[in-house]
C-alpha atoms as a PDB file:
ATOM      1  CA  MET A   1      -3.629-104.029 -62.509  1.00  0.00           C
ATOM      2  CA  VAL A   2      -1.030-103.884 -59.739  1.00  0.00           C
ATOM      3  CA  SER A   3       0.770-100.540 -59.651  1.00  0.00           C
ATOM      4  CA  THR A   4       4.471-100.652 -60.420  1.00  0.00           C
ATOM      5  CA  ARG A   5       7.023 -98.658 -58.446  1.00  0.00           C
ATOM      6  CA  ARG A   6       7.378 -96.318 -61.413  1.00  0.00           C
ATOM      7  CA  VAL A   7       3.627 -95.567 -61.470  1.00  0.00           C
ATOM      8  CA  VAL A   8       3.591 -95.008 -57.702  1.00  0.00           C
ATOM      9  CA  LEU A   9       6.404 -92.469 -58.048  1.00  0.00           C
ATOM     10  CA  LEU A  10       4.726 -90.642 -60.916  1.00  0.00           C
ATOM     11  CA  ASP A  11       1.364 -90.483 -59.140  1.00  0.00           C
ATOM     12  CA  ALA A  12       3.171 -89.035 -56.130  1.00  0.00           C
ATOM     13  CA  ALA A  13       4.805 -86.444 -58.410  1.00  0.00           C
ATOM     14  CA  ILE A  14       1.406 -85.530 -59.892  1.00  0.00           C
ATOM     15  CA  GLN A  15       0.028 -85.073 -56.371  1.00  0.00           C
ATOM     16  CA  ILE A  16       2.868 -82.707 -55.491  1.00  0.00           C
ATOM     17  CA  LEU A  17       2.574 -80.807 -58.763  1.00  0.00           C
ATOM     18  CA  GLY A  18      -1.178 -80.331 -58.394  1.00  0.00           C
ATOM     19  CA  GLU A  19      -1.101 -79.347 -54.727  1.00  0.00           C
ATOM     20  CA  ARG A  20       2.160 -77.385 -54.453  1.00  0.00           C
ATOM     21  CA  GLY A  21       3.251 -76.358 -57.942  1.00  0.00           C
ATOM     22  CA  VAL A  22       6.201 -76.946 -60.243  1.00  0.00           C
ATOM     23  CA  ARG A  23       8.972 -75.790 -57.911  1.00  0.00           C
ATOM     24  CA  ALA A  24       7.955 -78.309 -55.257  1.00  0.00           C
ATOM     25  CA  VAL A  25       8.610 -81.256 -57.587  1.00  0.00           C
ATOM     26  CA  THR A  26      12.043 -82.629 -56.723  1.00  0.00           C
ATOM     27  CA  HIS A  27      13.380 -86.158 -56.589  1.00  0.00           C
ATOM     28  CA  ARG A  28      13.562 -85.970 -52.805  1.00  0.00           C
ATOM     29  CA  ALA A  29      10.007 -84.620 -52.486  1.00  0.00           C
ATOM     30  CA  VAL A  30       8.657 -87.424 -54.683  1.00  0.00           C
ATOM     31  CA  ASP A  31      10.486 -90.002 -52.571  1.00  0.00           C
ATOM     32  CA  ALA A  32       8.869 -88.582 -49.430  1.00  0.00           C
ATOM     33  CA  GLU A  33       5.369 -88.340 -50.969  1.00  0.00           C
ATOM     34  CA  ALA A  34       5.559 -91.921 -52.268  1.00  0.00           C
ATOM     35  CA  GLY A  35       6.933 -93.226 -48.970  1.00  0.00           C
ATOM     36  CA  VAL A  36       9.990 -94.838 -50.540  1.00  0.00           C
ATOM     37  CA  SER A  37      13.660 -94.754 -49.645  1.00  0.00           C
ATOM     38  CA  ALA A  38      15.734 -91.735 -50.623  1.00  0.00           C
ATOM     39  CA  GLY A  39      17.119 -91.994 -54.150  1.00  0.00           C
ATOM     40  CA  ALA A  40      14.362 -94.225 -55.522  1.00  0.00           C
ATOM     41  CA  THR A  41      12.994 -91.536 -57.858  1.00  0.00           C
ATOM     42  CA  ALA A  42      16.466 -90.689 -59.153  1.00  0.00           C
ATOM     43  CA  ASN A  43      17.012 -94.356 -59.997  1.00  0.00           C
ATOM     44  CA  TYR A  44      14.072 -94.187 -62.425  1.00  0.00           C
ATOM     45  CA  PHE A  45      14.462 -90.597 -63.642  1.00  0.00           C
ATOM     46  CA  SER A  46      18.046 -89.398 -63.597  1.00  0.00           C
ATOM     47  CA  THR A  47      17.247 -85.742 -64.400  1.00  0.00           C
ATOM     48  CA  ARG A  48      14.422 -83.344 -63.654  1.00  0.00           C
ATOM     49  CA  ASP A  49      13.614 -83.135 -67.386  1.00  0.00           C
ATOM     50  CA  ALA A  50      13.278 -86.922 -67.525  1.00  0.00           C
ATOM     51  CA  LEU A  51      10.993 -86.818 -64.487  1.00  0.00           C
ATOM     52  CA  PHE A  52       8.740 -84.170 -66.049  1.00  0.00           C
ATOM     53  CA  ALA A  53       8.551 -85.998 -69.388  1.00  0.00           C
ATOM     54  CA  ALA A  54       7.373 -89.089 -67.521  1.00  0.00           C
ATOM     55  CA  ILE A  55       4.910 -87.040 -65.464  1.00  0.00           C
ATOM     56  CA  VAL A  56       3.311 -85.791 -68.684  1.00  0.00           C
ATOM     57  CA  GLU A  57       2.928 -89.354 -69.970  1.00  0.00           C
ATOM     58  CA  ARG A  58       1.367 -90.591 -66.733  1.00  0.00           C
ATOM     59  CA  PHE A  59      -0.837 -87.519 -66.376  1.00  0.00           C
ATOM     60  CA  ALA A  60      -2.110 -87.928 -69.946  1.00  0.00           C
ATOM     61  CA  GLU A  61      -2.824 -91.609 -69.351  1.00  0.00           C
ATOM     62  CA  ARG A  62      -4.879 -90.849 -66.238  1.00  0.00           C
ATOM     63  CA  GLU A  63      -6.782 -87.985 -67.854  1.00  0.00           C
ATOM     64  CA  ARG A  64      -7.595 -90.095 -70.933  1.00  0.00           C
ATOM     65  CA  GLN A  65      -8.876 -92.875 -68.685  1.00  0.00           C
ATOM     66  CA  ASN A  66     -11.147 -90.428 -66.872  1.00  0.00           C
ATOM     67  CA  PHE A  67     -12.410 -88.988 -70.148  1.00  0.00           C
ATOM     68  CA  GLU A  68     -13.003 -92.376 -71.722  1.00  0.00           C
ATOM     69  CA  GLU A  69     -14.938 -93.596 -68.686  1.00  0.00           C
ATOM     70  CA  LEU A  70     -17.436 -90.950 -69.681  1.00  0.00           C
ATOM     71  CA  ALA A  71     -16.959 -90.969 -73.459  1.00  0.00           C
ATOM     72  CA  THR A  72     -17.657 -94.666 -73.903  1.00  0.00           C
ATOM     73  CA  THR A  73     -21.005 -94.434 -72.105  1.00  0.00           C
ATOM     74  CA  VAL A  74     -22.593 -91.582 -74.081  1.00  0.00           C
ATOM     75  CA  VAL A  75     -23.416 -90.845 -77.709  1.00  0.00           C
ATOM     76  CA  PRO A  76     -24.629 -87.223 -77.773  1.00  0.00           C
ATOM     77  CA  THR A  77     -26.818 -86.292 -80.741  1.00  0.00           C
ATOM     78  CA  THR A  78     -28.010 -82.818 -79.665  1.00  0.00           C
ATOM     79  CA  PRO A  79     -26.333 -79.731 -78.169  1.00  0.00           C
ATOM     80  CA  ALA A  80     -28.228 -80.358 -74.925  1.00  0.00           C
ATOM     81  CA  GLU A  81     -26.895 -83.905 -74.634  1.00  0.00           C
ATOM     82  CA  LEU A  82     -23.313 -82.841 -75.359  1.00  0.00           C
ATOM     83  CA  GLY A  83     -23.656 -79.907 -72.957  1.00  0.00           C
ATOM     84  CA  ARG A  84     -24.741 -82.248 -70.163  1.00  0.00           C
ATOM     85  CA  THR A  85     -21.827 -84.581 -70.913  1.00  0.00           C
ATOM     86  CA  LEU A  86     -19.293 -81.756 -70.774  1.00  0.00           C
ATOM     87  CA  GLY A  87     -20.930 -80.371 -67.637  1.00  0.00           C
ATOM     88  CA  VAL A  88     -20.393 -83.712 -65.889  1.00  0.00           C
ATOM     89  CA  PHE A  89     -16.762 -83.779 -67.051  1.00  0.00           C
ATOM     90  CA  LEU A  90     -16.103 -80.258 -65.769  1.00  0.00           C
ATOM     91  CA  ARG A  91     -17.675 -80.897 -62.384  1.00  0.00           C
ATOM     92  CA  ASP A  92     -15.621 -84.070 -62.040  1.00  0.00           C
ATOM     93  CA  GLY A  93     -12.434 -82.239 -63.038  1.00  0.00           C
ATOM     94  CA  THR A  94     -12.958 -79.555 -60.396  1.00  0.00           C
ATOM     95  CA  THR A  95     -13.977 -81.914 -57.562  1.00  0.00           C
ATOM     96  CA  ARG A  96     -12.980 -85.592 -57.584  1.00  0.00           C
ATOM     97  CA  ASN A  97     -10.073 -85.010 -59.996  1.00  0.00           C
ATOM     98  CA  ARG A  98      -9.228 -81.462 -58.916  1.00  0.00           C
ATOM     99  CA  THR A  99      -5.568 -82.258 -58.214  1.00  0.00           C
ATOM    100  CA  LEU A 100      -5.146 -83.835 -61.639  1.00  0.00           C
ATOM    101  CA  THR A 101      -6.678 -80.754 -63.301  1.00  0.00           C
ATOM    102  CA  LEU A 102      -4.385 -78.460 -61.317  1.00  0.00           C
ATOM    103  CA  CYS A 103      -1.487 -80.614 -62.492  1.00  0.00           C
ATOM    104  CA  ARG A 104      -2.528 -79.975 -66.106  1.00  0.00           C
ATOM    105  CA  CYS A 105      -2.594 -76.229 -65.471  1.00  0.00           C
ATOM    106  CA  ALA A 106       0.871 -76.325 -63.912  1.00  0.00           C
ATOM    107  CA  LEU A 107       2.272 -78.342 -66.820  1.00  0.00           C
ATOM    108  CA  LEU A 108       0.821 -75.915 -69.367  1.00  0.00           C
ATOM    109  CA  VAL A 109       2.459 -72.966 -67.596  1.00  0.00           C
ATOM    110  CA  GLU A 110       5.772 -74.809 -67.377  1.00  0.00           C
ATOM    111  CA  SER A 111       5.637 -75.686 -71.083  1.00  0.00           C
ATOM    112  CA  ALA A 112       5.659 -71.979 -72.001  1.00  0.00           C
ATOM    113  CA  ASN A 113       9.434 -72.001 -71.453  1.00  0.00           C
ATOM    114  CA  ASN A 114      10.057 -75.638 -72.331  1.00  0.00           C
ATOM    115  CA  PRO A 115       9.518 -76.460 -76.040  1.00  0.00           C
ATOM    116  CA  GLY A 116      10.096 -80.172 -75.531  1.00  0.00           C
ATOM    117  CA  LEU A 117       7.489 -80.365 -72.796  1.00  0.00           C
ATOM    118  CA  ARG A 118       5.083 -78.266 -74.877  1.00  0.00           C
ATOM    119  CA  GLU A 119       5.374 -80.668 -77.818  1.00  0.00           C
ATOM    120  CA  HIS A 120       4.824 -83.644 -75.551  1.00  0.00           C
ATOM    121  CA  ILE A 121       1.688 -82.135 -73.986  1.00  0.00           C
ATOM    122  CA  ALA A 122       0.246 -81.269 -77.403  1.00  0.00           C
ATOM    123  CA  SER A 123       0.675 -84.817 -78.670  1.00  0.00           C
ATOM    124  CA  THR A 124      -1.023 -86.357 -75.620  1.00  0.00           C
ATOM    125  CA  GLY A 125      -4.228 -84.367 -76.165  1.00  0.00           C
ATOM    126  CA  LYS A 126      -4.909 -85.655 -79.682  1.00  0.00           C
ATOM    127  CA  ARG A 127      -7.017 -88.619 -78.604  1.00  0.00           C
ATOM    128  CA  VAL A 128      -9.338 -86.478 -76.510  1.00  0.00           C
ATOM    129  CA  GLY A 129      -9.558 -84.038 -79.419  1.00  0.00           C
ATOM    130  CA  ALA A 130     -10.614 -86.882 -81.705  1.00  0.00           C
ATOM    131  CA  TRP A 131     -13.457 -87.815 -79.344  1.00  0.00           C
ATOM    132  CA  PHE A 132     -14.561 -84.204 -79.154  1.00  0.00           C
ATOM    133  CA  THR A 133     -14.652 -83.593 -82.909  1.00  0.00           C
ATOM    134  CA  ALA A 134     -16.574 -86.851 -83.395  1.00  0.00           C
ATOM    135  CA  TRP A 135     -19.185 -85.673 -80.874  1.00  0.00           C
ATOM    136  CA  LEU A 136     -19.488 -82.308 -82.623  1.00  0.00           C
ATOM    137  CA  ARG A 137     -20.147 -84.057 -85.947  1.00  0.00           C
ATOM    138  CA  LEU A 138     -22.849 -86.139 -84.282  1.00  0.00           C
ATOM    139  CA  ILE A 139     -24.707 -83.039 -83.095  1.00  0.00           C
ATOM    140  CA  GLY A 140     -24.550 -81.417 -86.539  1.00  0.00           C
ATOM    141  CA  SER A 141     -21.420 -79.271 -86.602  1.00  0.00           C
ATOM    142  CA  THR A 142     -20.314 -78.370 -90.122  1.00  0.00           C
ATOM    143  CA  ASP A 143     -16.902 -77.206 -88.872  1.00  0.00           C
ATOM    144  CA  PRO A 144     -16.007 -79.478 -85.934  1.00  0.00           C
ATOM    145  CA  GLU A 145     -12.310 -78.558 -85.871  1.00  0.00           C
ATOM    146  CA  HIS A 146     -13.098 -74.870 -85.416  1.00  0.00           C
ATOM    147  CA  HIS A 147     -15.943 -75.495 -82.984  1.00  0.00           C
ATOM    148  CA  MET A 148     -13.721 -77.806 -80.933  1.00  0.00           C
ATOM    149  CA  HIS A 149     -11.292 -74.947 -80.298  1.00  0.00           C
ATOM    150  CA  VAL A 150     -14.076 -72.491 -79.440  1.00  0.00           C
ATOM    151  CA  ILE A 151     -15.736 -74.867 -76.980  1.00  0.00           C
ATOM    152  CA  GLY A 152     -12.394 -76.123 -75.655  1.00  0.00           C
ATOM    153  CA  ASN A 153     -11.178 -72.619 -74.834  1.00  0.00           C
ATOM    154  CA  TYR A 154     -14.499 -71.763 -73.195  1.00  0.00           C
ATOM    155  CA  VAL A 155     -14.445 -74.937 -71.103  1.00  0.00           C
ATOM    156  CA  THR A 156     -10.860 -74.185 -70.051  1.00  0.00           C
ATOM    157  CA  GLY A 157     -11.900 -70.710 -68.902  1.00  0.00           C
ATOM    158  CA  LEU A 158     -14.802 -72.099 -66.868  1.00  0.00           C
ATOM    159  CA  THR A 159     -12.495 -74.671 -65.295  1.00  0.00           C
ATOM    160  CA  LEU A 160      -9.827 -72.143 -64.315  1.00  0.00           C
ATOM    161  CA  HIS A 161     -12.423 -69.838 -62.783  1.00  0.00           C
ATOM    162  CA  GLN A 162     -13.904 -72.670 -60.725  1.00  0.00           C
ATOM    163  CA  LEU A 163     -10.463 -73.822 -59.558  1.00  0.00           C
ATOM    164  CA  ALA A 164      -9.492 -70.308 -58.507  1.00  0.00           C
ATOM    165  CA  MET A 165     -12.837 -69.307 -56.963  1.00  0.00           C
ATOM    166  CA  PRO A 166     -14.799 -72.471 -56.170  1.00  0.00           C
ATOM    167  CA  ASP A 167     -18.578 -72.211 -56.301  1.00  0.00           C
ATOM    168  CA  PRO A 168     -20.291 -74.998 -54.314  1.00  0.00           C
ATOM    169  CA  HIS A 169     -23.211 -74.840 -56.763  1.00  0.00           C
ATOM    170  CA  PHE A 170     -21.043 -74.955 -59.891  1.00  0.00           C
ATOM    171  CA  ASP A 171     -22.969 -76.327 -62.884  1.00  0.00           C
ATOM    172  CA  PRO A 172     -21.833 -75.001 -66.279  1.00  0.00           C
ATOM    173  CA  THR A 173     -24.260 -77.147 -68.286  1.00  0.00           C
ATOM    174  CA  ASP A 174     -26.685 -74.400 -69.340  1.00  0.00           C
ATOM    175  CA  LYS A 175     -23.867 -72.076 -70.410  1.00  0.00           C
ATOM    176  CA  ILE A 176     -22.211 -74.773 -72.516  1.00  0.00           C
ATOM    177  CA  VAL A 177     -25.518 -75.752 -74.139  1.00  0.00           C
ATOM    178  CA  SER A 178     -26.201 -72.110 -75.036  1.00  0.00           C
ATOM    179  CA  LEU A 179     -22.777 -71.761 -76.655  1.00  0.00           C
ATOM    180  CA  LEU A 180     -23.206 -74.995 -78.609  1.00  0.00           C
ATOM    181  CA  GLU A 181     -26.634 -73.937 -79.851  1.00  0.00           C
ATOM    182  CA  SER A 182     -25.320 -70.549 -80.980  1.00  0.00           C
ATOM    183  CA  LEU A 183     -22.406 -72.149 -82.856  1.00  0.00           C
ATOM    184  CA  LEU A 184     -24.669 -74.630 -84.634  1.00  0.00           C
ATOM    185  CA  ALA A 185     -27.507 -72.216 -85.398  1.00  0.00           C
ATOM    186  CA  PRO A 186     -27.939 -71.379 -89.109  1.00  0.00           C
ATOM    187  CA  GLN A 187     -26.296 -68.076 -89.936  1.00  0.00           C
ATOM    188  CA  PRO A 188     -28.612 -65.404 -91.419  1.00  0.00           C
ATOM    189  CA  ALA A 189     -27.951 -64.469 -95.021  1.00  0.00           C
ATOM    190  CA  HIS A 190     -26.365 -61.063 -95.480  1.00  0.00           C
ATOM    191  CA  PRO A 191     -28.611 -58.552 -97.326  1.00  0.00           C
ATOM    192  CA  PRO A 192     -27.329 -57.554-100.768  1.00  0.00           C
ATOM    193  CA  ALA A 193     -25.328 -54.355-100.940  1.00  0.00           C
ATOM    194  CA  ALA A 194     -27.171 -51.271-102.157  1.00  0.00           C
ATOM    195  CA  PRO A 195     -26.398 -50.546-105.809  1.00  0.00           C
ATOM    196  CA  ALA A 196     -24.165 -47.588-106.571  1.00  0.00           C
ATOM    197  CA  VAL A 197     -25.755 -44.500-108.140  1.00  0.00           C
ATOM    198  CA  ALA A 198     -24.359 -41.563-110.030  1.00  0.00           C
ATOM    199  CA  GLY A 199     -21.857 -39.628-108.011  1.00  0.00           C
ATOM    200  CA  ARG A 200     -19.630 -41.369-105.513  1.00  0.00           C
ATOM    201  CA  PRO A 201     -19.655 -45.182-105.746  1.00  0.00           C
ATOM    202  CA  GLY A 202     -21.992 -46.734-103.217  1.00  0.00           C
ATOM    203  CA  ARG A 203     -23.412 -43.352-102.050  1.00  0.00           C
ATOM    204  CA  PRO A 204     -26.472 -41.462-103.261  1.00  0.00           C
ATOM    205  CA  GLU A 205     -25.773 -38.372-105.364  1.00  0.00           C
ATOM    206  CA  ILE A 206     -26.666 -35.126-103.627  1.00  0.00           C
ATOM    207  CA  ARG A 207     -28.403 -32.704-105.994  1.00  0.00           C
ATOM    208  CA  ARG A 208     -28.335 -29.011-105.241  1.00  0.00           C
ATOM    209  CA  THR A 209     -31.089 -26.660-106.417  1.00  0.00           C
ATOM    210  CA  PRO A 210     -29.642 -23.703-108.357  1.00  0.00           C
END
């Protein structure tokens, strides 16, 4: 599909946001990054809020495409298989798609003080969340919604650490598999409480010899 001028501008904005941060994103900077005449970005997005709302939409579209490239080729049925899938996704997000991942981080920080942006970001992640919960059901999770948040937060932490302090040998697969296995492992039954005896409830009575 041939890129439209609007898509070119938004991809340029994502590049700026990922490489230089939120403050660097201006209409003029996007014009320069996209190599278009001055004022082109403002013609499409009259305000900065309008520009950021469109950035979120384009960012979400690109990230979903990347995720679905992987998601449609695998059907994990064990923690090890899902761990390997997520490991590939994390390595891709911190190498080939590093700028896009940094863009996500910048948008999340910006949304802390922008309720409208926060709502928009939350709604764009629902499709990825649906994939994730479906995978967790396939590997035997009895509480996929809860496990999705546990794994998701852990994966986010691994990603941020790798972005901040890159390790050339980064491979989180084993760590993710271990966490998945611990979440899905049967929980041991709690031993029954000791019966109460005379004296204080739940404590043995102390008898004194006269």
